[in-house]
Amino acid sequence: MAKQYDDTNRGALFKEQDKQSDKHPDYKGSINVDGTDYWLSAWIKEAESGRKYMSLSVQPKDKQGSKRTATKAGATDADSDPSIPF
């Protein structure tokens, strides 16, 4: 029998393929922290010095699987988002 993968304290980001606005995240995914699942969004930004960095937003996943709460990118329906592979 195969050993089940433990994703505790792990996550993944995927490049957004259908970004429609500069306010929408460049990357989206999820992360598990101490057994709790969260949606993770990232924007590529540039500091005044010219150095690039990622700005992150973390939102708890809705236990009922309904609409995701509002983020910097606006309200999103996580259930119908084809870019989230899970």
PDB file of N, CA and C in Angstrom:
ATOM      1  N   MET A   1       0.840  -1.172   0.000  1.00  0.00           N
ATOM      2  CA  MET A   1       0.000   0.000   0.000  1.00  0.00           C
ATOM      3  C   MET A   1       0.894   1.246   0.000  1.00  0.00           C
ATOM      4  N   ALA A   2       0.555   2.236  -0.832  1.00  0.00           N
ATOM      5  CA  ALA A   2       1.339   3.464  -0.949  1.00  0.00           C
ATOM      6  C   ALA A   2       1.163   4.335   0.290  1.00  0.00           C
ATOM      7  N   LYS A   3       2.246   4.968   0.684  1.00  0.00           N
ATOM      8  CA  LYS A   3       2.202   5.868   1.821  1.00  0.00           C
ATOM      9  C   LYS A   3       1.496   7.164   1.413  1.00  0.00           C
ATOM     10  N   GLN A   4       0.549   7.636   2.226  1.00  0.00           N
ATOM     11  CA  GLN A   4      -0.185   8.854   1.925  1.00  0.00           C
ATOM     12  C   GLN A   4       0.715  10.063   2.160  1.00  0.00           C
ATOM     13  N   TYR A   5       0.671  11.026   1.256  1.00  0.00           N
ATOM     14  CA  TYR A   5       1.483  12.234   1.326  1.00  0.00           C
ATOM     15  C   TYR A   5       0.964  13.162   2.418  1.00  0.00           C
ATOM     16  N   ASP A   6       1.852  13.670   3.250  1.00  0.00           N
ATOM     17  CA  ASP A   6       1.498  14.614   4.311  1.00  0.00           C
ATOM     18  C   ASP A   6       1.810  16.024   3.818  1.00  0.00           C
ATOM     19  N   ASP A   7       0.774  16.850   3.592  1.00  0.00           N
ATOM     20  CA  ASP A   7       0.989  18.203   3.083  1.00  0.00           C
ATOM     21  C   ASP A   7       0.976  19.265   4.182  1.00  0.00           C
ATOM     22  N   THR A   8       1.089  18.850   5.444  1.00  0.00           N
ATOM     23  CA  THR A   8       1.134  19.797   6.550  1.00  0.00           C
ATOM     24  C   THR A   8       2.349  20.706   6.408  1.00  0.00           C
ATOM     25  N   ASN A   9       2.121  22.011   6.551  1.00  0.00           N
ATOM     26  CA  ASN A   9       3.160  23.036   6.447  1.00  0.00           C
ATOM     27  C   ASN A   9       3.804  23.075   5.060  1.00  0.00           C
ATOM     28  N   ARG A  10       3.007  22.790   4.036  1.00  0.00           N
ATOM     29  CA  ARG A  10       3.471  22.852   2.648  1.00  0.00           C
ATOM     30  C   ARG A  10       2.430  23.566   1.809  1.00  0.00           C
ATOM     31  N   GLY A  11       2.863  24.064   0.656  1.00  0.00           N
ATOM     32  CA  GLY A  11       1.937  24.723  -0.248  1.00  0.00           C
ATOM     33  C   GLY A  11       2.530  24.815  -1.635  1.00  0.00           C
ATOM     34  N   ALA A  12       1.761  25.378  -2.553  1.00  0.00           N
ATOM     35  CA  ALA A  12       2.208  25.552  -3.931  1.00  0.00           C
ATOM     36  C   ALA A  12       1.516  26.762  -4.542  1.00  0.00           C
ATOM     37  N   LEU A  13       2.250  27.464  -5.397  1.00  0.00           N
ATOM     38  CA  LEU A  13       1.710  28.578  -6.166  1.00  0.00           C
ATOM     39  C   LEU A  13       1.814  28.230  -7.639  1.00  0.00           C
ATOM     40  N   PHE A  14       0.803  28.636  -8.408  1.00  0.00           N
ATOM     41  CA  PHE A  14       0.776  28.397  -9.842  1.00  0.00           C
ATOM     42  C   PHE A  14       0.580  29.727 -10.555  1.00  0.00           C
ATOM     43  N   LYS A  15       1.318  29.947 -11.641  1.00  0.00           N
ATOM     44  CA  LYS A  15       1.197  31.175 -12.415  1.00  0.00           C
ATOM     45  C   LYS A  15      -0.218  31.297 -12.956  1.00  0.00           C
ATOM     46  N   GLU A  16      -0.815  32.467 -12.768  1.00  0.00           N
ATOM     47  CA  GLU A  16      -2.175  32.725 -13.252  1.00  0.00           C
ATOM     48  C   GLU A  16      -2.145  32.840 -14.773  1.00  0.00           C
ATOM     49  N   GLN A  17      -2.883  31.993 -15.451  1.00  0.00           N
ATOM     50  CA  GLN A  17      -2.894  31.951 -16.914  1.00  0.00           C
ATOM     51  C   GLN A  17      -3.907  32.912 -17.520  1.00  0.00           C
ATOM     52  N   ASP A  18      -4.897  33.359 -16.751  1.00  0.00           N
ATOM     53  CA  ASP A  18      -5.965  34.179 -17.285  1.00  0.00           C
ATOM     54  C   ASP A  18      -6.110  35.473 -16.492  1.00  0.00           C
ATOM     55  N   LYS A  19      -4.988  36.156 -16.240  1.00  0.00           N
ATOM     56  CA  LYS A  19      -5.011  37.400 -15.476  1.00  0.00           C
ATOM     57  C   LYS A  19      -5.686  38.487 -16.314  1.00  0.00           C
ATOM     58  N   GLN A  20      -6.779  39.063 -15.793  1.00  0.00           N
ATOM     59  CA  GLN A  20      -7.562  40.025 -16.558  1.00  0.00           C
ATOM     60  C   GLN A  20      -7.380  41.468 -16.096  1.00  0.00           C
ATOM     61  N   SER A  21      -6.650  41.676 -15.001  1.00  0.00           N
ATOM     62  CA  SER A  21      -6.455  43.013 -14.460  1.00  0.00           C
ATOM     63  C   SER A  21      -5.150  43.034 -13.671  1.00  0.00           C
ATOM     64  N   ASP A  22      -4.529  44.198 -13.558  1.00  0.00           N
ATOM     65  CA  ASP A  22      -3.307  44.316 -12.755  1.00  0.00           C
ATOM     66  C   ASP A  22      -3.572  44.039 -11.285  1.00  0.00           C
ATOM     67  N   LYS A  23      -4.826  44.159 -10.868  1.00  0.00           N
ATOM     68  CA  LYS A  23      -5.177  43.894  -9.475  1.00  0.00           C
ATOM     69  C   LYS A  23      -5.284  42.399  -9.181  1.00  0.00           C
ATOM     70  N   HIS A  24      -5.478  41.585 -10.208  1.00  0.00           N
ATOM     71  CA  HIS A  24      -5.553  40.134 -10.007  1.00  0.00           C
ATOM     72  C   HIS A  24      -4.161  39.596  -9.715  1.00  0.00           C
ATOM     73  N   PRO A  25      -4.057  38.550  -8.890  1.00  0.00           N
ATOM     74  CA  PRO A  25      -2.746  38.014  -8.532  1.00  0.00           C
ATOM     75  C   PRO A  25      -2.013  37.408  -9.735  1.00  0.00           C
ATOM     76  N   ASP A  26      -0.681  37.462  -9.680  1.00  0.00           N
ATOM     77  CA  ASP A  26       0.154  36.844 -10.709  1.00  0.00           C
ATOM     78  C   ASP A  26       0.256  35.337 -10.483  1.00  0.00           C
ATOM     79  N   TYR A  27       0.145  34.920  -9.226  1.00  0.00           N
ATOM     80  CA  TYR A  27       0.220  33.507  -8.856  1.00  0.00           C
ATOM     81  C   TYR A  27      -0.887  33.212  -7.848  1.00  0.00           C
ATOM     82  N   LYS A  28      -1.455  32.003  -7.916  1.00  0.00           N
ATOM     83  CA  LYS A  28      -2.465  31.569  -6.952  1.00  0.00           C
ATOM     84  C   LYS A  28      -2.195  30.115  -6.567  1.00  0.00           C
ATOM     85  N   GLY A  29      -2.626  29.754  -5.384  1.00  0.00           N
ATOM     86  CA  GLY A  29      -2.468  28.387  -4.934  1.00  0.00           C
ATOM     87  C   GLY A  29      -3.011  28.232  -3.535  1.00  0.00           C
ATOM     88  N   SER A  30      -2.461  27.279  -2.817  1.00  0.00           N
ATOM     89  CA  SER A  30      -2.896  27.061  -1.439  1.00  0.00           C
ATOM     90  C   SER A  30      -1.711  26.630  -0.600  1.00  0.00           C
ATOM     91  N   ILE A  31      -1.912  26.759   0.707  1.00  0.00           N
ATOM     92  CA  ILE A  31      -0.870  26.381   1.659  1.00  0.00           C
ATOM     93  C   ILE A  31      -1.556  25.812   2.899  1.00  0.00           C
ATOM     94  N   ASN A  32      -0.898  24.885   3.546  1.00  0.00           N
ATOM     95  CA  ASN A  32      -1.386  24.308   4.791  1.00  0.00           C
ATOM     96  C   ASN A  32      -0.424  24.736   5.893  1.00  0.00           C
ATOM     97  N   VAL A  33      -0.957  25.344   6.950  1.00  0.00           N
ATOM     98  CA  VAL A  33      -0.145  25.776   8.084  1.00  0.00           C
ATOM     99  C   VAL A  33      -0.702  25.120   9.340  1.00  0.00           C
ATOM    100  N   ASP A  34       0.090  24.272   9.951  1.00  0.00           N
ATOM    101  CA  ASP A  34      -0.302  23.567  11.169  1.00  0.00           C
ATOM    102  C   ASP A  34      -1.653  22.866  11.027  1.00  0.00           C
ATOM    103  N   GLY A  35      -1.905  22.283   9.856  1.00  0.00           N
ATOM    104  CA  GLY A  35      -3.123  21.521   9.629  1.00  0.00           C
ATOM    105  C   GLY A  35      -4.319  22.322   9.135  1.00  0.00           C
ATOM    106  N   THR A  36      -4.170  23.642   8.966  1.00  0.00           N
ATOM    107  CA  THR A  36      -5.251  24.492   8.463  1.00  0.00           C
ATOM    108  C   THR A  36      -4.929  24.921   7.038  1.00  0.00           C
ATOM    109  N   ASP A  37      -5.914  24.789   6.122  1.00  0.00           N
ATOM    110  CA  ASP A  37      -5.716  25.130   4.717  1.00  0.00           C
ATOM    111  C   ASP A  37      -6.074  26.585   4.444  1.00  0.00           C
ATOM    112  N   TYR A  38      -5.262  27.239   3.601  1.00  0.00           N
ATOM    113  CA  TYR A  38      -5.451  28.636   3.225  1.00  0.00           C
ATOM    114  C   TYR A  38      -5.278  28.792   1.720  1.00  0.00           C
ATOM    115  N   TRP A  39      -5.991  29.788   1.134  1.00  0.00           N
ATOM    116  CA  TRP A  39      -5.722  30.215  -0.231  1.00  0.00           C
ATOM    117  C   TRP A  39      -4.534  31.160  -0.172  1.00  0.00           C
ATOM    118  N   LEU A  40      -3.657  31.079  -1.163  1.00  0.00           N
ATOM    119  CA  LEU A  40      -2.460  31.905  -1.216  1.00  0.00           C
ATOM    120  C   LEU A  40      -2.426  32.618  -2.555  1.00  0.00           C
ATOM    121  N   SER A  41      -2.226  33.941  -2.543  1.00  0.00           N
ATOM    122  CA  SER A  41      -2.118  34.740  -3.760  1.00  0.00           C
ATOM    123  C   SER A  41      -0.826  35.530  -3.696  1.00  0.00           C
ATOM    124  N   ALA A  42      -0.209  35.772  -4.871  1.00  0.00           N
ATOM    125  CA  ALA A  42       1.045  36.515  -4.916  1.00  0.00           C
ATOM    126  C   ALA A  42       1.052  37.469  -6.109  1.00  0.00           C
ATOM    127  N   TRP A  43       1.575  38.661  -5.882  1.00  0.00           N
ATOM    128  CA  TRP A  43       1.746  39.673  -6.915  1.00  0.00           C
ATOM    129  C   TRP A  43       3.232  39.977  -7.052  1.00  0.00           C
ATOM    130  N   ILE A  44       3.734  40.053  -8.288  1.00  0.00           N
ATOM    131  CA  ILE A  44       5.116  40.459  -8.534  1.00  0.00           C
ATOM    132  C   ILE A  44       5.138  41.981  -8.522  1.00  0.00           C
ATOM    133  N   LYS A  45       5.969  42.552  -7.662  1.00  0.00           N
ATOM    134  CA  LYS A  45       6.058  44.007  -7.529  1.00  0.00           C
ATOM    135  C   LYS A  45       7.517  44.430  -7.624  1.00  0.00           C
ATOM    136  N   GLU A  46       7.716  45.748  -7.740  1.00  0.00           N
ATOM    137  CA  GLU A  46       9.068  46.275  -7.804  1.00  0.00           C
ATOM    138  C   GLU A  46       9.217  47.410  -6.801  1.00  0.00           C
ATOM    139  N   ALA A  47      10.241  47.319  -5.965  1.00  0.00           N
ATOM    140  CA  ALA A  47      10.512  48.344  -4.965  1.00  0.00           C
ATOM    141  C   ALA A  47      11.089  49.578  -5.647  1.00  0.00           C
ATOM    142  N   GLU A  48      11.085  50.699  -4.952  1.00  0.00           N
ATOM    143  CA  GLU A  48      11.663  51.932  -5.492  1.00  0.00           C
ATOM    144  C   GLU A  48      13.119  51.742  -5.901  1.00  0.00           C
ATOM    145  N   SER A  49      13.805  50.832  -5.243  1.00  0.00           N
ATOM    146  CA  SER A  49      15.209  50.558  -5.553  1.00  0.00           C
ATOM    147  C   SER A  49      15.369  49.768  -6.854  1.00  0.00           C
ATOM    148  N   GLY A  50      14.239  49.260  -7.393  1.00  0.00           N
ATOM    149  CA  GLY A  50      14.280  48.453  -8.606  1.00  0.00           C
ATOM    150  C   GLY A  50      14.315  46.963  -8.334  1.00  0.00           C
ATOM    151  N   ARG A  51      14.434  46.592  -7.091  1.00  0.00           N
ATOM    152  CA  ARG A  51      14.478  45.174  -6.721  1.00  0.00           C
ATOM    153  C   ARG A  51      13.071  44.573  -6.758  1.00  0.00           C
ATOM    154  N   LYS A  52      12.900  43.436  -7.439  1.00  0.00           N
ATOM    155  CA  LYS A  52      11.598  42.784  -7.537  1.00  0.00           C
ATOM    156  C   LYS A  52      11.347  41.913  -6.304  1.00  0.00           C
ATOM    157  N   TYR A  53      10.056  41.807  -5.932  1.00  0.00           N
ATOM    158  CA  TYR A  53       9.666  40.982  -4.794  1.00  0.00           C
ATOM    159  C   TYR A  53       8.241  40.476  -5.010  1.00  0.00           C
ATOM    160  N   MET A  54       7.804  39.553  -4.173  1.00  0.00           N
ATOM    161  CA  MET A  54       6.438  39.044  -4.199  1.00  0.00           C
ATOM    162  C   MET A  54       5.689  39.587  -2.991  1.00  0.00           C
ATOM    163  N   SER A  55       4.506  40.142  -3.244  1.00  0.00           N
ATOM    164  CA  SER A  55       3.593  40.561  -2.192  1.00  0.00           C
ATOM    165  C   SER A  55       2.581  39.430  -2.036  1.00  0.00           C
ATOM    166  N   LEU A  56       2.351  38.972  -0.810  1.00  0.00           N
ATOM    167  CA  LEU A  56       1.502  37.808  -0.568  1.00  0.00           C
ATOM    168  C   LEU A  56       0.225  38.160   0.177  1.00  0.00           C
ATOM    169  N   SER A  57      -0.812  37.380  -0.101  1.00  0.00           N
ATOM    170  CA  SER A  57      -2.079  37.474   0.616  1.00  0.00           C
ATOM    171  C   SER A  57      -2.516  36.055   0.971  1.00  0.00           C
ATOM    172  N   VAL A  58      -2.949  35.866   2.210  1.00  0.00           N
ATOM    173  CA  VAL A  58      -3.399  34.559   2.684  1.00  0.00           C
ATOM    174  C   VAL A  58      -4.825  34.709   3.215  1.00  0.00           C
ATOM    175  N   GLN A  59      -5.714  33.813   2.769  1.00  0.00           N
ATOM    176  CA  GLN A  59      -7.099  33.824   3.224  1.00  0.00           C
ATOM    177  C   GLN A  59      -7.477  32.404   3.634  1.00  0.00           C
ATOM    178  N   PRO A  60      -8.165  32.221   4.762  1.00  0.00           N
ATOM    179  CA  PRO A  60      -8.601  30.876   5.151  1.00  0.00           C
ATOM    180  C   PRO A  60      -9.559  30.301   4.110  1.00  0.00           C
ATOM    181  N   LYS A  61      -9.433  29.003   3.862  1.00  0.00           N
ATOM    182  CA  LYS A  61     -10.374  28.349   2.959  1.00  0.00           C
ATOM    183  C   LYS A  61     -11.707  28.214   3.681  1.00  0.00           C
ATOM    184  N   ASP A  62     -12.776  28.423   2.947  1.00  0.00           N
ATOM    185  CA  ASP A  62     -14.125  28.300   3.495  1.00  0.00           C
ATOM    186  C   ASP A  62     -14.414  26.821   3.714  1.00  0.00           C
ATOM    187  N   LYS A  63     -14.795  26.454   4.919  1.00  0.00           N
ATOM    188  CA  LYS A  63     -15.041  25.049   5.243  1.00  0.00           C
ATOM    189  C   LYS A  63     -16.201  24.457   4.455  1.00  0.00           C
ATOM    190  N   GLN A  64     -17.147  25.291   4.012  1.00  0.00           N
ATOM    191  CA  GLN A  64     -18.275  24.800   3.232  1.00  0.00           C
ATOM    192  C   GLN A  64     -17.944  24.716   1.749  1.00  0.00           C
ATOM    193  N   GLY A  65     -16.788  25.242   1.329  1.00  0.00           N
ATOM    194  CA  GLY A  65     -16.422  25.205  -0.077  1.00  0.00           C
ATOM    195  C   GLY A  65     -17.179  26.215  -0.919  1.00  0.00           C
ATOM    196  N   SER A  66     -17.767  27.230  -0.281  1.00  0.00           N
ATOM    197  CA  SER A  66     -18.495  28.236  -1.038  1.00  0.00           C
ATOM    198  C   SER A  66     -17.555  29.353  -1.470  1.00  0.00           C
ATOM    199  N   LYS A  67     -18.088  30.517  -1.754  1.00  0.00           N
ATOM    200  CA  LYS A  67     -17.277  31.602  -2.282  1.00  0.00           C
ATOM    201  C   LYS A  67     -16.173  32.013  -1.321  1.00  0.00           C
ATOM    202  N   ARG A  68     -15.049  32.337  -1.914  1.00  0.00           N
ATOM    203  CA  ARG A  68     -13.878  32.797  -1.189  1.00  0.00           C
ATOM    204  C   ARG A  68     -14.110  34.228  -0.720  1.00  0.00           C
ATOM    205  N   THR A  69     -13.498  34.600   0.392  1.00  0.00           N
ATOM    206  CA  THR A  69     -13.660  35.951   0.901  1.00  0.00           C
ATOM    207  C   THR A  69     -12.871  36.930   0.036  1.00  0.00           C
ATOM    208  N   ALA A  70     -13.197  38.203   0.146  1.00  0.00           N
ATOM    209  CA  ALA A  70     -12.549  39.221  -0.662  1.00  0.00           C
ATOM    210  C   ALA A  70     -11.070  39.329  -0.312  1.00  0.00           C
ATOM    211  N   THR A  71     -10.254  39.570  -1.335  1.00  0.00           N
ATOM    212  CA  THR A  71      -8.819  39.768  -1.163  1.00  0.00           C
ATOM    213  C   THR A  71      -8.433  41.041  -1.882  1.00  0.00           C
ATOM    214  N   LYS A  72      -7.149  41.313  -1.967  1.00  0.00           N
ATOM    215  CA  LYS A  72      -6.673  42.461  -2.721  1.00  0.00           C
ATOM    216  C   LYS A  72      -7.173  42.423  -4.159  1.00  0.00           C
ATOM    217  N   ALA A  73      -7.340  41.225  -4.700  1.00  0.00           N
ATOM    218  CA  ALA A  73      -7.752  41.085  -6.094  1.00  0.00           C
ATOM    219  C   ALA A  73      -9.255  41.191  -6.263  1.00  0.00           C
ATOM    220  N   GLY A  74     -10.010  41.283  -5.187  1.00  0.00           N
ATOM    221  CA  GLY A  74     -11.457  41.333  -5.268  1.00  0.00           C
ATOM    222  C   GLY A  74     -12.061  39.987  -4.932  1.00  0.00           C
ATOM    223  N   ALA A  75     -13.367  39.914  -4.904  1.00  0.00           N
ATOM    224  CA  ALA A  75     -14.050  38.666  -4.571  1.00  0.00           C
ATOM    225  C   ALA A  75     -13.906  37.681  -5.723  1.00  0.00           C
ATOM    226  N   THR A  76     -13.636  36.424  -5.383  1.00  0.00           N
ATOM    227  CA  THR A  76     -13.471  35.393  -6.400  1.00  0.00           C
ATOM    228  C   THR A  76     -14.230  34.144  -6.006  1.00  0.00           C
ATOM    229  N   ASP A  77     -14.762  33.442  -6.976  1.00  0.00           N
ATOM    230  CA  ASP A  77     -15.430  32.186  -6.715  1.00  0.00           C
ATOM    231  C   ASP A  77     -14.409  31.076  -6.886  1.00  0.00           C
ATOM    232  N   ALA A  78     -13.851  30.583  -5.796  1.00  0.00           N
ATOM    233  CA  ALA A  78     -12.786  29.587  -5.835  1.00  0.00           C
ATOM    234  C   ALA A  78     -13.257  28.271  -6.445  1.00  0.00           C
ATOM    235  N   ASP A  79     -14.539  27.934  -6.290  1.00  0.00           N
ATOM    236  CA  ASP A  79     -15.050  26.671  -6.811  1.00  0.00           C
ATOM    237  C   ASP A  79     -15.066  26.631  -8.332  1.00  0.00           C
ATOM    238  N   SER A  80     -15.200  27.767  -9.000  1.00  0.00           N
ATOM    239  CA  SER A  80     -15.275  27.771 -10.453  1.00  0.00           C
ATOM    240  C   SER A  80     -13.989  28.248 -11.098  1.00  0.00           C
ATOM    241  N   ASP A  81     -12.922  28.426 -10.341  1.00  0.00           N
ATOM    242  CA  ASP A  81     -11.663  28.911 -10.885  1.00  0.00           C
ATOM    243  C   ASP A  81     -10.870  27.747 -11.464  1.00  0.00           C
ATOM    244  N   PRO A  82     -10.760  27.656 -12.799  1.00  0.00           N
ATOM    245  CA  PRO A  82     -10.063  26.533 -13.414  1.00  0.00           C
ATOM    246  C   PRO A  82      -8.554  26.549 -13.206  1.00  0.00           C
ATOM    247  N   SER A  83      -7.988  27.681 -12.736  1.00  0.00           N
ATOM    248  CA  SER A  83      -6.544  27.728 -12.542  1.00  0.00           C
ATOM    249  C   SER A  83      -6.117  27.077 -11.230  1.00  0.00           C
ATOM    250  N   ILE A  84      -7.065  26.808 -10.339  1.00  0.00           N
ATOM    251  CA  ILE A  84      -6.745  26.129  -9.091  1.00  0.00           C
ATOM    252  C   ILE A  84      -6.932  24.624  -9.332  1.00  0.00           C
ATOM    253  N   PRO A  85      -5.836  23.860  -9.316  1.00  0.00           N
ATOM    254  CA  PRO A  85      -5.906  22.459  -9.734  1.00  0.00           C
ATOM    255  C   PRO A  85      -6.428  21.495  -8.692  1.00  0.00           C
ATOM    256  N   PHE A  86      -7.007  21.963  -7.594  1.00  0.00           N
ATOM    257  CA  PHE A  86      -7.473  21.059  -6.549  1.00  0.00           C
ATOM    258  C   PHE A  86      -8.799  21.480  -6.017  1.00  0.00           C
TER     259      PHE A  86
END
